Amino acid sequence: MSWLWGSKRKKVEISSPVANPAKPSLLDSYDDYHEDIELMDDSRLFGPEDPKKLSDNLPARLYGSKWKLIYSTFRHGISSSTLLRASRECGGSSILIIKDYSGYVFGAFASHAWNNPEPKFYGNGECFLFTLHPEFKVHRWTSKNGYCQMIENNRIIMGGGSGIFGLWLDEDLLSGTTQPCETFDNGVLSHESHFKVFGIELWGFHDDT
C-alpha cells in the first residue's frame, strides 16, 4: 500500500495498482464508428466535430451507443453530489468535459461509473485524458501503474504517481489541477496547472439494444 498527497495536502490511501488493467479494444475503422454517433442532448462545451475526435479512442464495446448528457453545471447547478449521483444512476463509462476560464476544453474518459465509496483507485486501461481545445490531444494509459480513477471526498481524480494527479477536480467543481502523471504520460491539460472551471458536462452512453 502506498500514499499520494492531494492538492490540499491530505494524505490519500492508494490501494495496490489494478492488476493487469484491461487494454482498450479500439475499433478497426474510425469512420465506421463516428458516422454512427448520436448525441441525445446539446453540449455547451464542445463543437459538432469534437465527438468524432474522441470516438476513435473509445473502446469498441461502446460502438453504436448514444451519447447522453447526464450532468451539466448549466442545467443541474454546481454540485459534485449531483454529478456523482447522476453517474451512479446511469452506470458504466462516462466522458467528463471541462472548460476553464482560459477557453481550454479538456477532460477524461472513465471506464467505470463514479460510484466507488472508498478513496482508492479503480478503473482500467480504457481510461484516458484529453484536451479538445485549443489543440486535440489524447493521453492513453501507459501501463506504468493502475492509478486510473478515484473519488476522494467528492473530489474527482484521474491518474497519479510520484505524489501528483493527472486531473484533480475539487469537490466544489469550481477549480482543479492538472499535472503530468505516470498513468497517462500527459502534459498539463489546461492553460495552467491550476485552473478555474467555467463549466462541466458529464456524458454517459445509452444502448437501445
N, C-alpha and C. Protein backbone atom coordinates (compact mmCIF):
# COMPACT_ATOMS: atom_id res chain seq x y z
N MET A 1 0.85 -1.19 0.00
CA MET A 1 0.00 0.00 0.00
C MET A 1 0.88 1.24 0.00
N SER A 2 0.47 2.27 -0.70
CA SER A 2 1.24 3.50 -0.78
C SER A 2 0.31 4.67 -0.58
N TRP A 3 0.89 5.89 -0.62
CA TRP A 3 0.11 7.09 -0.35
C TRP A 3 0.44 8.16 -1.38
N LEU A 4 -0.55 8.96 -1.70
CA LEU A 4 -0.35 10.16 -2.50
C LEU A 4 -0.87 11.34 -1.71
N TRP A 5 -0.34 12.53 -2.01
CA TRP A 5 -0.82 13.73 -1.35
C TRP A 5 -1.68 14.51 -2.30
N GLY A 6 -2.91 14.83 -1.90
CA GLY A 6 -3.80 15.64 -2.72
C GLY A 6 -3.37 17.09 -2.71
N SER A 7 -4.06 17.90 -3.53
CA SER A 7 -3.69 19.29 -3.69
C SER A 7 -3.83 20.06 -2.39
N LYS A 8 -4.67 19.59 -1.46
CA LYS A 8 -4.83 20.26 -0.17
C LYS A 8 -4.03 19.54 0.92
N ARG A 9 -3.03 18.78 0.50
CA ARG A 9 -2.10 18.11 1.39
C ARG A 9 -2.77 17.11 2.29
N LYS A 10 -3.86 16.53 1.86
CA LYS A 10 -4.48 15.46 2.61
C LYS A 10 -3.95 14.14 2.10
N LYS A 11 -3.51 13.29 3.03
CA LYS A 11 -2.95 12.01 2.63
C LYS A 11 -4.07 11.09 2.15
N VAL A 12 -3.89 10.51 0.98
CA VAL A 12 -4.90 9.66 0.35
C VAL A 12 -4.36 8.25 0.21
N GLU A 13 -5.12 7.29 0.66
CA GLU A 13 -4.70 5.90 0.56
C GLU A 13 -4.79 5.42 -0.87
N ILE A 14 -3.73 4.80 -1.34
CA ILE A 14 -3.70 4.23 -2.68
C ILE A 14 -3.62 2.72 -2.54
N SER A 15 -4.62 2.03 -3.01
CA SER A 15 -4.60 0.58 -2.96
C SER A 15 -3.58 0.07 -3.96
N SER A 16 -3.33 -1.20 -3.90
CA SER A 16 -2.42 -1.79 -4.86
C SER A 16 -2.92 -1.51 -6.27
N PRO A 17 -2.01 -1.20 -7.20
CA PRO A 17 -2.45 -0.89 -8.57
C PRO A 17 -3.32 -1.97 -9.15
N VAL A 18 -4.20 -1.56 -10.02
CA VAL A 18 -5.10 -2.50 -10.68
C VAL A 18 -4.29 -3.60 -11.35
N ALA A 19 -4.64 -4.80 -11.08
CA ALA A 19 -3.89 -5.92 -11.65
C ALA A 19 -4.21 -6.06 -13.13
N ASN A 20 -3.18 -5.87 -13.94
CA ASN A 20 -3.33 -6.01 -15.39
C ASN A 20 -4.58 -5.31 -15.92
N PRO A 21 -4.65 -3.96 -15.76
CA PRO A 21 -5.83 -3.25 -16.29
C PRO A 21 -6.04 -3.59 -17.75
N ALA A 22 -7.29 -3.75 -18.12
CA ALA A 22 -7.60 -4.19 -19.48
C ALA A 22 -7.16 -3.15 -20.49
N LYS A 23 -6.46 -3.59 -21.50
CA LYS A 23 -6.12 -2.69 -22.58
C LYS A 23 -7.36 -2.41 -23.41
N PRO A 24 -7.52 -1.17 -23.87
CA PRO A 24 -8.72 -0.83 -24.63
C PRO A 24 -8.79 -1.58 -25.94
N SER A 25 -9.99 -1.90 -26.32
CA SER A 25 -10.22 -2.55 -27.61
C SER A 25 -10.78 -1.51 -28.56
N LEU A 26 -9.97 -0.99 -29.45
CA LEU A 26 -10.39 0.07 -30.34
C LEU A 26 -11.00 -0.49 -31.60
N LEU A 27 -11.84 0.29 -32.22
CA LEU A 27 -12.46 -0.15 -33.47
C LEU A 27 -11.45 -0.12 -34.60
N ASP A 28 -11.63 -1.03 -35.53
CA ASP A 28 -10.73 -1.07 -36.68
C ASP A 28 -10.93 0.13 -37.58
N SER A 29 -12.14 0.61 -37.67
CA SER A 29 -12.45 1.71 -38.59
C SER A 29 -13.01 2.89 -37.85
N TYR A 30 -12.27 3.97 -37.81
CA TYR A 30 -12.73 5.21 -37.20
C TYR A 30 -13.96 5.73 -37.91
N ASP A 31 -13.96 5.72 -39.23
CA ASP A 31 -15.07 6.25 -39.99
C ASP A 31 -16.36 5.48 -39.71
N ASP A 32 -16.26 4.14 -39.63
CA ASP A 32 -17.45 3.36 -39.37
C ASP A 32 -18.08 3.72 -38.04
N TYR A 33 -17.24 4.10 -37.08
CA TYR A 33 -17.76 4.40 -35.76
C TYR A 33 -18.36 5.80 -35.67
N HIS A 34 -17.58 6.82 -36.04
CA HIS A 34 -18.04 8.17 -35.77
C HIS A 34 -19.23 8.56 -36.61
N GLU A 35 -19.46 7.90 -37.74
CA GLU A 35 -20.64 8.21 -38.54
C GLU A 35 -21.92 7.81 -37.83
N ASP A 36 -21.82 6.90 -36.85
CA ASP A 36 -22.99 6.43 -36.13
C ASP A 36 -23.20 7.14 -34.80
N ILE A 37 -22.38 8.14 -34.47
CA ILE A 37 -22.52 8.84 -33.21
C ILE A 37 -23.83 9.62 -33.19
N GLU A 38 -24.57 9.46 -32.12
CA GLU A 38 -25.81 10.21 -31.95
C GLU A 38 -25.81 10.85 -30.56
N LEU A 39 -25.90 12.18 -30.53
CA LEU A 39 -25.99 12.90 -29.27
C LEU A 39 -27.45 13.08 -28.91
N MET A 40 -27.84 12.65 -27.72
CA MET A 40 -29.21 12.78 -27.28
C MET A 40 -29.50 14.17 -26.72
N ASP A 41 -28.45 14.97 -26.51
CA ASP A 41 -28.59 16.31 -25.95
C ASP A 41 -27.57 17.22 -26.60
N ASP A 42 -27.78 18.52 -26.43
CA ASP A 42 -26.83 19.50 -26.94
C ASP A 42 -25.76 19.80 -25.88
N SER A 43 -24.57 20.13 -26.36
CA SER A 43 -23.48 20.49 -25.48
C SER A 43 -23.21 21.98 -25.54
N ARG A 44 -22.84 22.56 -24.41
CA ARG A 44 -22.44 23.96 -24.37
C ARG A 44 -20.92 24.09 -24.27
N LEU A 45 -20.23 22.95 -24.33
CA LEU A 45 -18.78 22.99 -24.13
C LEU A 45 -17.98 22.49 -25.32
N PHE A 46 -18.54 21.62 -26.15
CA PHE A 46 -17.79 21.15 -27.31
C PHE A 46 -18.59 21.33 -28.59
N GLY A 47 -17.86 21.37 -29.70
CA GLY A 47 -18.47 21.59 -31.01
C GLY A 47 -18.91 20.30 -31.67
N PRO A 48 -19.54 20.39 -32.83
CA PRO A 48 -20.09 19.20 -33.50
C PRO A 48 -19.05 18.20 -33.96
N GLU A 49 -17.80 18.65 -34.17
CA GLU A 49 -16.75 17.75 -34.63
C GLU A 49 -16.03 17.05 -33.48
N ASP A 50 -16.19 17.55 -32.27
CA ASP A 50 -15.42 17.01 -31.15
C ASP A 50 -15.76 15.57 -30.79
N PRO A 51 -17.02 15.15 -30.80
CA PRO A 51 -17.30 13.73 -30.54
C PRO A 51 -16.60 12.80 -31.52
N LYS A 52 -16.47 13.24 -32.77
CA LYS A 52 -15.78 12.41 -33.76
C LYS A 52 -14.31 12.23 -33.38
N LYS A 53 -13.70 13.29 -32.84
CA LYS A 53 -12.30 13.19 -32.43
C LYS A 53 -12.13 12.21 -31.27
N LEU A 54 -13.04 12.27 -30.32
CA LEU A 54 -12.94 11.40 -29.16
C LEU A 54 -13.30 9.95 -29.47
N SER A 55 -14.19 9.76 -30.44
CA SER A 55 -14.74 8.43 -30.68
C SER A 55 -13.67 7.42 -31.10
N ASP A 56 -12.63 7.88 -31.76
CA ASP A 56 -11.59 6.97 -32.22
C ASP A 56 -10.82 6.36 -31.06
N ASN A 57 -10.96 6.92 -29.88
CA ASN A 57 -10.23 6.43 -28.72
C ASN A 57 -11.11 5.67 -27.72
N LEU A 58 -12.39 5.57 -28.03
CA LEU A 58 -13.29 4.85 -27.14
C LEU A 58 -13.22 3.35 -27.40
N PRO A 59 -13.49 2.55 -26.38
CA PRO A 59 -13.46 1.09 -26.58
C PRO A 59 -14.56 0.62 -27.52
N ALA A 60 -14.31 -0.46 -28.21
CA ALA A 60 -15.23 -0.98 -29.21
C ALA A 60 -16.59 -1.36 -28.62
N ARG A 61 -16.63 -1.67 -27.33
CA ARG A 61 -17.89 -2.06 -26.71
C ARG A 61 -18.93 -0.94 -26.72
N LEU A 62 -18.48 0.30 -26.95
CA LEU A 62 -19.40 1.43 -26.98
C LEU A 62 -19.89 1.75 -28.39
N TYR A 63 -19.51 0.93 -29.35
CA TYR A 63 -19.97 1.14 -30.73
C TYR A 63 -21.49 1.17 -30.80
N GLY A 64 -22.02 2.20 -31.45
CA GLY A 64 -23.45 2.32 -31.64
C GLY A 64 -24.21 2.93 -30.47
N SER A 65 -23.51 3.17 -29.35
CA SER A 65 -24.18 3.77 -28.20
C SER A 65 -24.45 5.25 -28.44
N LYS A 66 -25.57 5.72 -27.93
CA LYS A 66 -25.89 7.14 -27.98
C LYS A 66 -25.21 7.87 -26.81
N TRP A 67 -24.81 9.09 -27.06
CA TRP A 67 -24.20 9.91 -26.01
C TRP A 67 -25.31 10.68 -25.30
N LYS A 68 -25.40 10.52 -23.99
CA LYS A 68 -26.45 11.17 -23.21
C LYS A 68 -25.83 12.09 -22.16
N LEU A 69 -26.27 13.33 -22.15
CA LEU A 69 -25.79 14.30 -21.15
C LEU A 69 -26.47 13.99 -19.82
N ILE A 70 -25.68 13.51 -18.85
CA ILE A 70 -26.28 13.12 -17.57
C ILE A 70 -26.03 14.15 -16.48
N TYR A 71 -25.10 15.07 -16.71
CA TYR A 71 -24.89 16.16 -15.75
C TYR A 71 -24.30 17.36 -16.47
N SER A 72 -24.77 18.55 -16.12
CA SER A 72 -24.24 19.79 -16.66
C SER A 72 -24.36 20.87 -15.59
N THR A 73 -23.30 21.64 -15.39
CA THR A 73 -23.38 22.74 -14.42
C THR A 73 -24.39 23.79 -14.88
N PHE A 74 -24.63 23.89 -16.17
CA PHE A 74 -25.58 24.86 -16.68
C PHE A 74 -27.02 24.42 -16.47
N ARG A 75 -27.24 23.11 -16.43
CA ARG A 75 -28.59 22.57 -16.32
C ARG A 75 -28.94 22.13 -14.91
N HIS A 76 -27.97 21.57 -14.19
CA HIS A 76 -28.24 20.96 -12.90
C HIS A 76 -27.64 21.73 -11.72
N GLY A 77 -26.95 22.82 -11.99
CA GLY A 77 -26.30 23.56 -10.91
C GLY A 77 -24.92 23.00 -10.61
N ILE A 78 -24.18 23.72 -9.78
CA ILE A 78 -22.81 23.32 -9.46
C ILE A 78 -22.83 22.45 -8.21
N SER A 79 -22.75 21.16 -8.39
CA SER A 79 -22.84 20.22 -7.27
C SER A 79 -22.15 18.92 -7.62
N SER A 80 -21.08 18.61 -6.91
CA SER A 80 -20.40 17.33 -7.14
C SER A 80 -21.27 16.15 -6.72
N SER A 81 -22.11 16.36 -5.70
CA SER A 81 -23.00 15.29 -5.27
C SER A 81 -23.99 14.93 -6.37
N THR A 82 -24.49 15.95 -7.07
CA THR A 82 -25.42 15.71 -8.18
C THR A 82 -24.71 15.01 -9.32
N LEU A 83 -23.49 15.42 -9.62
CA LEU A 83 -22.70 14.77 -10.68
C LEU A 83 -22.47 13.30 -10.36
N LEU A 84 -22.04 13.01 -9.15
CA LEU A 84 -21.74 11.63 -8.78
C LEU A 84 -23.00 10.78 -8.74
N ARG A 85 -24.09 11.36 -8.28
CA ARG A 85 -25.36 10.61 -8.26
C ARG A 85 -25.81 10.30 -9.68
N ALA A 86 -25.66 11.25 -10.59
CA ALA A 86 -26.03 11.01 -11.99
C ALA A 86 -25.19 9.89 -12.59
N SER A 87 -23.91 9.85 -12.25
CA SER A 87 -23.04 8.80 -12.75
C SER A 87 -23.46 7.43 -12.20
N ARG A 88 -23.78 7.38 -10.91
CA ARG A 88 -24.22 6.12 -10.32
C ARG A 88 -25.51 5.63 -10.96
N GLU A 89 -26.45 6.53 -11.19
CA GLU A 89 -27.74 6.13 -11.74
C GLU A 89 -27.61 5.69 -13.19
N CYS A 90 -26.72 6.36 -13.94
CA CYS A 90 -26.51 5.97 -15.33
C CYS A 90 -25.72 4.67 -15.43
N GLY A 91 -24.69 4.56 -14.58
CA GLY A 91 -23.84 3.37 -14.58
C GLY A 91 -22.91 3.35 -15.78
N GLY A 92 -21.87 2.58 -15.70
CA GLY A 92 -20.97 2.40 -16.83
C GLY A 92 -20.01 3.56 -17.05
N SER A 93 -19.45 3.58 -18.25
CA SER A 93 -18.41 4.55 -18.61
C SER A 93 -19.00 5.94 -18.82
N SER A 94 -18.11 6.94 -18.78
CA SER A 94 -18.56 8.31 -18.99
C SER A 94 -17.40 9.16 -19.50
N ILE A 95 -17.77 10.29 -20.09
CA ILE A 95 -16.80 11.28 -20.54
C ILE A 95 -17.03 12.57 -19.76
N LEU A 96 -15.99 13.03 -19.09
CA LEU A 96 -16.04 14.27 -18.33
C LEU A 96 -15.44 15.38 -19.19
N ILE A 97 -16.21 16.44 -19.42
CA ILE A 97 -15.77 17.58 -20.22
C ILE A 97 -15.68 18.80 -19.31
N ILE A 98 -14.54 19.49 -19.33
CA ILE A 98 -14.32 20.68 -18.51
C ILE A 98 -13.87 21.82 -19.41
N LYS A 99 -14.44 22.99 -19.19
CA LYS A 99 -13.96 24.20 -19.85
C LYS A 99 -13.51 25.18 -18.77
N ASP A 100 -12.31 25.72 -18.91
CA ASP A 100 -11.83 26.68 -17.93
C ASP A 100 -11.99 28.11 -18.44
N TYR A 101 -11.63 29.07 -17.61
CA TYR A 101 -11.81 30.47 -17.97
C TYR A 101 -10.76 30.97 -18.95
N SER A 102 -9.81 30.12 -19.33
CA SER A 102 -8.86 30.46 -20.38
C SER A 102 -9.35 29.98 -21.75
N GLY A 103 -10.48 29.30 -21.77
CA GLY A 103 -11.03 28.79 -23.02
C GLY A 103 -10.58 27.40 -23.37
N TYR A 104 -9.76 26.77 -22.53
CA TYR A 104 -9.34 25.40 -22.79
C TYR A 104 -10.48 24.44 -22.48
N VAL A 105 -10.63 23.42 -23.33
CA VAL A 105 -11.62 22.38 -23.11
C VAL A 105 -10.87 21.05 -23.02
N PHE A 106 -11.07 20.33 -21.95
CA PHE A 106 -10.30 19.11 -21.69
C PHE A 106 -11.11 18.19 -20.79
N GLY A 107 -10.57 17.02 -20.49
CA GLY A 107 -11.31 16.12 -19.64
C GLY A 107 -10.77 14.71 -19.61
N ALA A 108 -11.68 13.76 -19.39
CA ALA A 108 -11.26 12.38 -19.17
C ALA A 108 -12.36 11.42 -19.56
N PHE A 109 -11.95 10.26 -20.04
CA PHE A 109 -12.85 9.13 -20.22
C PHE A 109 -12.62 8.17 -19.08
N ALA A 110 -13.68 7.85 -18.34
CA ALA A 110 -13.61 6.92 -17.21
C ALA A 110 -14.25 5.60 -17.60
N SER A 111 -13.55 4.52 -17.39
CA SER A 111 -14.05 3.20 -17.78
C SER A 111 -15.22 2.74 -16.92
N HIS A 112 -15.27 3.22 -15.67
CA HIS A 112 -16.30 2.79 -14.73
C HIS A 112 -17.06 4.01 -14.20
N ALA A 113 -18.26 3.74 -13.68
CA ALA A 113 -19.06 4.82 -13.10
C ALA A 113 -18.35 5.40 -11.88
N TRP A 114 -18.64 6.65 -11.59
CA TRP A 114 -18.07 7.32 -10.41
C TRP A 114 -18.91 6.95 -9.19
N ASN A 115 -18.70 5.73 -8.68
CA ASN A 115 -19.55 5.26 -7.59
C ASN A 115 -18.79 4.46 -6.55
N ASN A 116 -17.46 4.57 -6.54
CA ASN A 116 -16.68 3.84 -5.56
C ASN A 116 -16.60 4.65 -4.27
N PRO A 117 -17.20 4.19 -3.16
CA PRO A 117 -17.22 4.99 -1.93
C PRO A 117 -15.88 5.06 -1.22
N GLU A 118 -14.97 4.17 -1.52
CA GLU A 118 -13.68 4.16 -0.84
C GLU A 118 -12.66 5.00 -1.61
N PRO A 119 -11.83 5.77 -0.89
CA PRO A 119 -10.82 6.61 -1.57
C PRO A 119 -9.64 5.80 -2.06
N LYS A 120 -9.86 4.99 -3.09
CA LYS A 120 -8.78 4.24 -3.69
C LYS A 120 -9.01 4.16 -5.19
N PHE A 121 -7.94 3.98 -5.92
CA PHE A 121 -8.05 3.94 -7.38
C PHE A 121 -8.72 2.66 -7.86
N TYR A 122 -9.45 2.80 -8.93
CA TYR A 122 -10.08 1.66 -9.61
C TYR A 122 -10.13 2.00 -11.09
N GLY A 123 -10.97 1.32 -11.86
CA GLY A 123 -10.98 1.52 -13.30
C GLY A 123 -9.94 0.66 -14.00
N ASN A 124 -9.81 0.83 -15.33
CA ASN A 124 -8.86 0.01 -16.06
C ASN A 124 -8.19 0.80 -17.17
N GLY A 125 -7.44 0.11 -18.01
CA GLY A 125 -6.64 0.75 -19.03
C GLY A 125 -7.41 1.37 -20.18
N GLU A 126 -8.73 1.29 -20.16
CA GLU A 126 -9.52 2.02 -21.15
C GLU A 126 -9.53 3.52 -20.87
N CYS A 127 -9.26 3.89 -19.62
CA CYS A 127 -9.30 5.31 -19.23
C CYS A 127 -8.26 6.12 -20.00
N PHE A 128 -8.59 7.38 -20.25
CA PHE A 128 -7.61 8.28 -20.84
C PHE A 128 -7.96 9.73 -20.52
N LEU A 129 -6.97 10.59 -20.64
CA LEU A 129 -7.14 12.04 -20.51
C LEU A 129 -7.04 12.67 -21.89
N PHE A 130 -7.58 13.86 -22.04
CA PHE A 130 -7.52 14.52 -23.35
C PHE A 130 -7.66 16.03 -23.20
N THR A 131 -7.21 16.72 -24.23
CA THR A 131 -7.51 18.14 -24.45
C THR A 131 -8.21 18.26 -25.79
N LEU A 132 -9.34 18.97 -25.82
CA LEU A 132 -10.06 19.19 -27.07
C LEU A 132 -9.67 20.51 -27.73
N HIS A 133 -9.58 21.55 -26.94
CA HIS A 133 -9.25 22.88 -27.45
C HIS A 133 -8.26 23.55 -26.51
N PRO A 134 -7.28 24.24 -27.06
CA PRO A 134 -7.17 24.68 -28.46
C PRO A 134 -6.57 23.65 -29.42
N GLU A 135 -6.01 22.58 -28.90
CA GLU A 135 -5.41 21.55 -29.75
C GLU A 135 -5.80 20.18 -29.22
N PHE A 136 -6.25 19.31 -30.12
CA PHE A 136 -6.70 17.99 -29.70
C PHE A 136 -5.53 17.07 -29.40
N LYS A 137 -5.52 16.54 -28.19
CA LYS A 137 -4.51 15.57 -27.77
C LYS A 137 -5.16 14.53 -26.87
N VAL A 138 -4.75 13.29 -27.02
CA VAL A 138 -5.23 12.20 -26.18
C VAL A 138 -4.04 11.57 -25.47
N HIS A 139 -4.22 11.29 -24.19
CA HIS A 139 -3.16 10.68 -23.38
C HIS A 139 -3.70 9.36 -22.83
N ARG A 140 -3.26 8.28 -23.43
CA ARG A 140 -3.76 6.96 -23.08
C ARG A 140 -2.98 6.36 -21.92
N TRP A 141 -3.56 5.30 -21.38
CA TRP A 141 -2.94 4.58 -20.27
C TRP A 141 -1.58 4.03 -20.69
N THR A 142 -0.57 4.20 -19.82
CA THR A 142 0.80 3.79 -20.15
C THR A 142 1.16 2.41 -19.64
N SER A 143 0.38 1.87 -18.72
CA SER A 143 0.62 0.61 -18.02
C SER A 143 1.71 0.74 -16.94
N LYS A 144 2.17 1.96 -16.66
CA LYS A 144 3.17 2.15 -15.61
C LYS A 144 2.59 1.94 -14.22
N ASN A 145 1.30 2.22 -14.05
CA ASN A 145 0.61 1.93 -12.80
C ASN A 145 -0.88 1.79 -13.09
N GLY A 146 -1.65 1.45 -12.08
CA GLY A 146 -3.08 1.27 -12.24
C GLY A 146 -3.90 2.38 -11.62
N TYR A 147 -3.31 3.57 -11.48
CA TYR A 147 -3.99 4.70 -10.83
C TYR A 147 -4.91 5.41 -11.82
N CYS A 148 -5.99 4.74 -12.19
CA CYS A 148 -6.83 5.23 -13.29
C CYS A 148 -7.85 6.28 -12.84
N GLN A 149 -8.71 5.95 -11.90
CA GLN A 149 -9.73 6.90 -11.46
C GLN A 149 -10.04 6.68 -9.98
N MET A 150 -10.45 7.78 -9.32
CA MET A 150 -10.74 7.70 -7.89
C MET A 150 -11.65 8.85 -7.48
N ILE A 151 -12.49 8.59 -6.47
CA ILE A 151 -13.26 9.63 -5.79
C ILE A 151 -12.73 9.73 -4.37
N GLU A 152 -12.44 10.95 -3.95
CA GLU A 152 -11.93 11.16 -2.59
C GLU A 152 -12.62 12.40 -2.03
N ASN A 153 -13.56 12.17 -1.09
CA ASN A 153 -14.35 13.27 -0.51
C ASN A 153 -15.00 14.13 -1.60
N ASN A 154 -15.65 13.45 -2.54
CA ASN A 154 -16.34 14.09 -3.67
C ASN A 154 -15.40 14.79 -4.64
N ARG A 155 -14.11 14.58 -4.50
CA ARG A 155 -13.16 15.10 -5.48
C ARG A 155 -12.93 14.02 -6.53
N ILE A 156 -12.90 14.44 -7.78
CA ILE A 156 -12.71 13.51 -8.89
C ILE A 156 -11.24 13.53 -9.31
N ILE A 157 -10.64 12.35 -9.40
CA ILE A 157 -9.21 12.24 -9.66
C ILE A 157 -8.98 11.22 -10.77
N MET A 158 -8.10 11.57 -11.70
CA MET A 158 -7.71 10.66 -12.78
C MET A 158 -6.18 10.68 -12.89
N GLY A 159 -5.57 9.51 -12.77
CA GLY A 159 -4.12 9.40 -12.95
C GLY A 159 -3.34 9.82 -11.73
N GLY A 160 -2.20 9.17 -11.52
CA GLY A 160 -1.37 9.50 -10.37
C GLY A 160 0.04 8.94 -10.52
N GLY A 161 0.80 9.15 -9.46
CA GLY A 161 2.18 8.70 -9.43
C GLY A 161 3.10 9.81 -8.98
N SER A 162 4.07 9.47 -8.14
CA SER A 162 5.06 10.43 -7.63
C SER A 162 4.40 11.59 -6.89
N GLY A 163 3.26 11.32 -6.25
CA GLY A 163 2.62 12.31 -5.40
C GLY A 163 1.79 13.35 -6.11
N ILE A 164 1.49 13.17 -7.40
CA ILE A 164 0.69 14.14 -8.14
C ILE A 164 -0.42 13.44 -8.90
N PHE A 165 -1.39 14.23 -9.40
CA PHE A 165 -2.52 13.68 -10.13
C PHE A 165 -2.57 14.27 -11.54
N GLY A 166 -2.99 13.44 -12.50
CA GLY A 166 -3.15 13.92 -13.86
C GLY A 166 -4.26 14.94 -13.97
N LEU A 167 -5.39 14.65 -13.30
CA LEU A 167 -6.52 15.57 -13.26
C LEU A 167 -7.15 15.45 -11.88
N TRP A 168 -7.32 16.58 -11.23
CA TRP A 168 -7.89 16.65 -9.88
C TRP A 168 -8.93 17.75 -9.88
N LEU A 169 -10.19 17.39 -9.64
CA LEU A 169 -11.29 18.35 -9.66
C LEU A 169 -11.85 18.47 -8.25
N ASP A 170 -11.83 19.69 -7.71
CA ASP A 170 -12.23 19.91 -6.33
C ASP A 170 -13.72 19.62 -6.13
N GLU A 171 -14.09 19.36 -4.89
CA GLU A 171 -15.46 18.99 -4.58
C GLU A 171 -16.46 20.10 -4.88
N ASP A 172 -16.01 21.36 -4.91
CA ASP A 172 -16.94 22.45 -5.22
C ASP A 172 -17.14 22.65 -6.72
N LEU A 173 -16.38 21.90 -7.54
CA LEU A 173 -16.44 21.97 -9.01
C LEU A 173 -16.10 23.35 -9.55
N LEU A 174 -15.40 24.14 -8.77
CA LEU A 174 -15.03 25.49 -9.19
C LEU A 174 -13.57 25.60 -9.60
N SER A 175 -12.76 24.64 -9.21
CA SER A 175 -11.33 24.70 -9.51
C SER A 175 -10.75 23.30 -9.54
N GLY A 176 -9.53 23.21 -10.04
CA GLY A 176 -8.86 21.93 -10.11
C GLY A 176 -7.40 22.10 -10.49
N THR A 177 -6.72 20.97 -10.61
CA THR A 177 -5.33 20.98 -11.03
C THR A 177 -5.12 19.89 -12.08
N THR A 178 -4.12 20.08 -12.89
CA THR A 178 -3.71 19.07 -13.86
C THR A 178 -2.20 19.10 -13.95
N GLN A 179 -1.58 17.93 -13.81
CA GLN A 179 -0.13 17.83 -13.84
C GLN A 179 0.28 16.57 -14.60
N PRO A 180 1.48 16.55 -15.14
CA PRO A 180 1.97 15.33 -15.79
C PRO A 180 2.00 14.18 -14.80
N CYS A 181 1.51 13.02 -15.22
CA CYS A 181 1.50 11.86 -14.32
C CYS A 181 1.93 10.62 -15.07
N GLU A 182 2.36 9.62 -14.32
CA GLU A 182 2.88 8.39 -14.91
C GLU A 182 1.78 7.54 -15.55
N THR A 183 0.57 7.65 -15.03
CA THR A 183 -0.51 6.79 -15.52
C THR A 183 -0.80 7.02 -16.99
N PHE A 184 -0.80 8.30 -17.40
CA PHE A 184 -1.18 8.65 -18.77
C PHE A 184 -0.08 9.38 -19.53
N ASP A 185 1.03 9.64 -18.87
CA ASP A 185 2.15 10.34 -19.52
C ASP A 185 1.65 11.61 -20.22
N ASN A 186 0.77 12.31 -19.54
CA ASN A 186 0.13 13.51 -20.10
C ASN A 186 0.93 14.77 -19.77
N GLY A 187 0.66 15.81 -20.55
CA GLY A 187 1.12 17.14 -20.19
C GLY A 187 0.04 17.83 -19.38
N VAL A 188 0.22 19.11 -19.12
CA VAL A 188 -0.81 19.90 -18.46
C VAL A 188 -1.97 20.07 -19.44
N LEU A 189 -3.16 19.71 -19.04
CA LEU A 189 -4.31 19.70 -19.94
C LEU A 189 -4.87 21.10 -20.18
N SER A 190 -4.77 21.94 -19.19
CA SER A 190 -5.32 23.29 -19.25
C SER A 190 -4.23 24.29 -19.61
N HIS A 191 -4.58 25.58 -19.58
CA HIS A 191 -3.60 26.62 -19.86
C HIS A 191 -2.52 26.64 -18.79
N GLU A 192 -2.92 26.39 -17.54
CA GLU A 192 -2.00 26.32 -16.41
C GLU A 192 -2.37 25.11 -15.56
N SER A 193 -1.46 24.72 -14.68
CA SER A 193 -1.71 23.53 -13.87
C SER A 193 -2.88 23.74 -12.89
N HIS A 194 -3.07 24.96 -12.41
CA HIS A 194 -4.22 25.28 -11.57
C HIS A 194 -5.23 26.03 -12.44
N PHE A 195 -6.46 25.58 -12.47
CA PHE A 195 -7.44 26.20 -13.34
C PHE A 195 -8.74 26.49 -12.59
N LYS A 196 -9.48 27.46 -13.12
CA LYS A 196 -10.81 27.79 -12.63
C LYS A 196 -11.83 27.29 -13.64
N VAL A 197 -12.88 26.66 -13.15
CA VAL A 197 -13.86 25.99 -14.01
C VAL A 197 -14.92 26.97 -14.51
N PHE A 198 -15.12 26.99 -15.82
CA PHE A 198 -16.23 27.74 -16.43
C PHE A 198 -17.48 26.87 -16.50
N GLY A 199 -17.31 25.61 -16.87
CA GLY A 199 -18.44 24.71 -16.96
C GLY A 199 -18.00 23.26 -17.05
N ILE A 200 -18.90 22.37 -16.67
CA ILE A 200 -18.61 20.93 -16.66
C ILE A 200 -19.81 20.19 -17.25
N GLU A 201 -19.51 19.17 -18.04
CA GLU A 201 -20.54 18.25 -18.52
C GLU A 201 -20.05 16.82 -18.31
N LEU A 202 -20.97 15.94 -17.97
CA LEU A 202 -20.67 14.51 -17.86
C LEU A 202 -21.60 13.78 -18.82
N TRP A 203 -21.00 13.04 -19.75
CA TRP A 203 -21.75 12.31 -20.76
C TRP A 203 -21.67 10.81 -20.50
N GLY A 204 -22.81 10.16 -20.49
CA GLY A 204 -22.88 8.71 -20.39
C GLY A 204 -23.26 8.12 -21.75
N PHE A 205 -23.42 6.81 -21.77
CA PHE A 205 -23.69 6.11 -23.02
C PHE A 205 -24.96 5.27 -22.87
N HIS A 206 -25.83 5.38 -23.87
CA HIS A 206 -27.10 4.69 -23.86
C HIS A 206 -27.17 3.73 -25.04
N ASP A 207 -27.49 2.49 -24.72
CA ASP A 207 -27.59 1.46 -25.75
C ASP A 207 -29.02 1.00 -25.86
N ASP A 208 -29.61 1.14 -27.04
CA ASP A 208 -31.01 0.75 -27.24
C ASP A 208 -31.21 -0.76 -27.29
N THR A 209 -30.12 -1.50 -27.52
CA THR A 209 -30.27 -2.95 -27.68
C THR A 209 -30.48 -3.64 -26.36
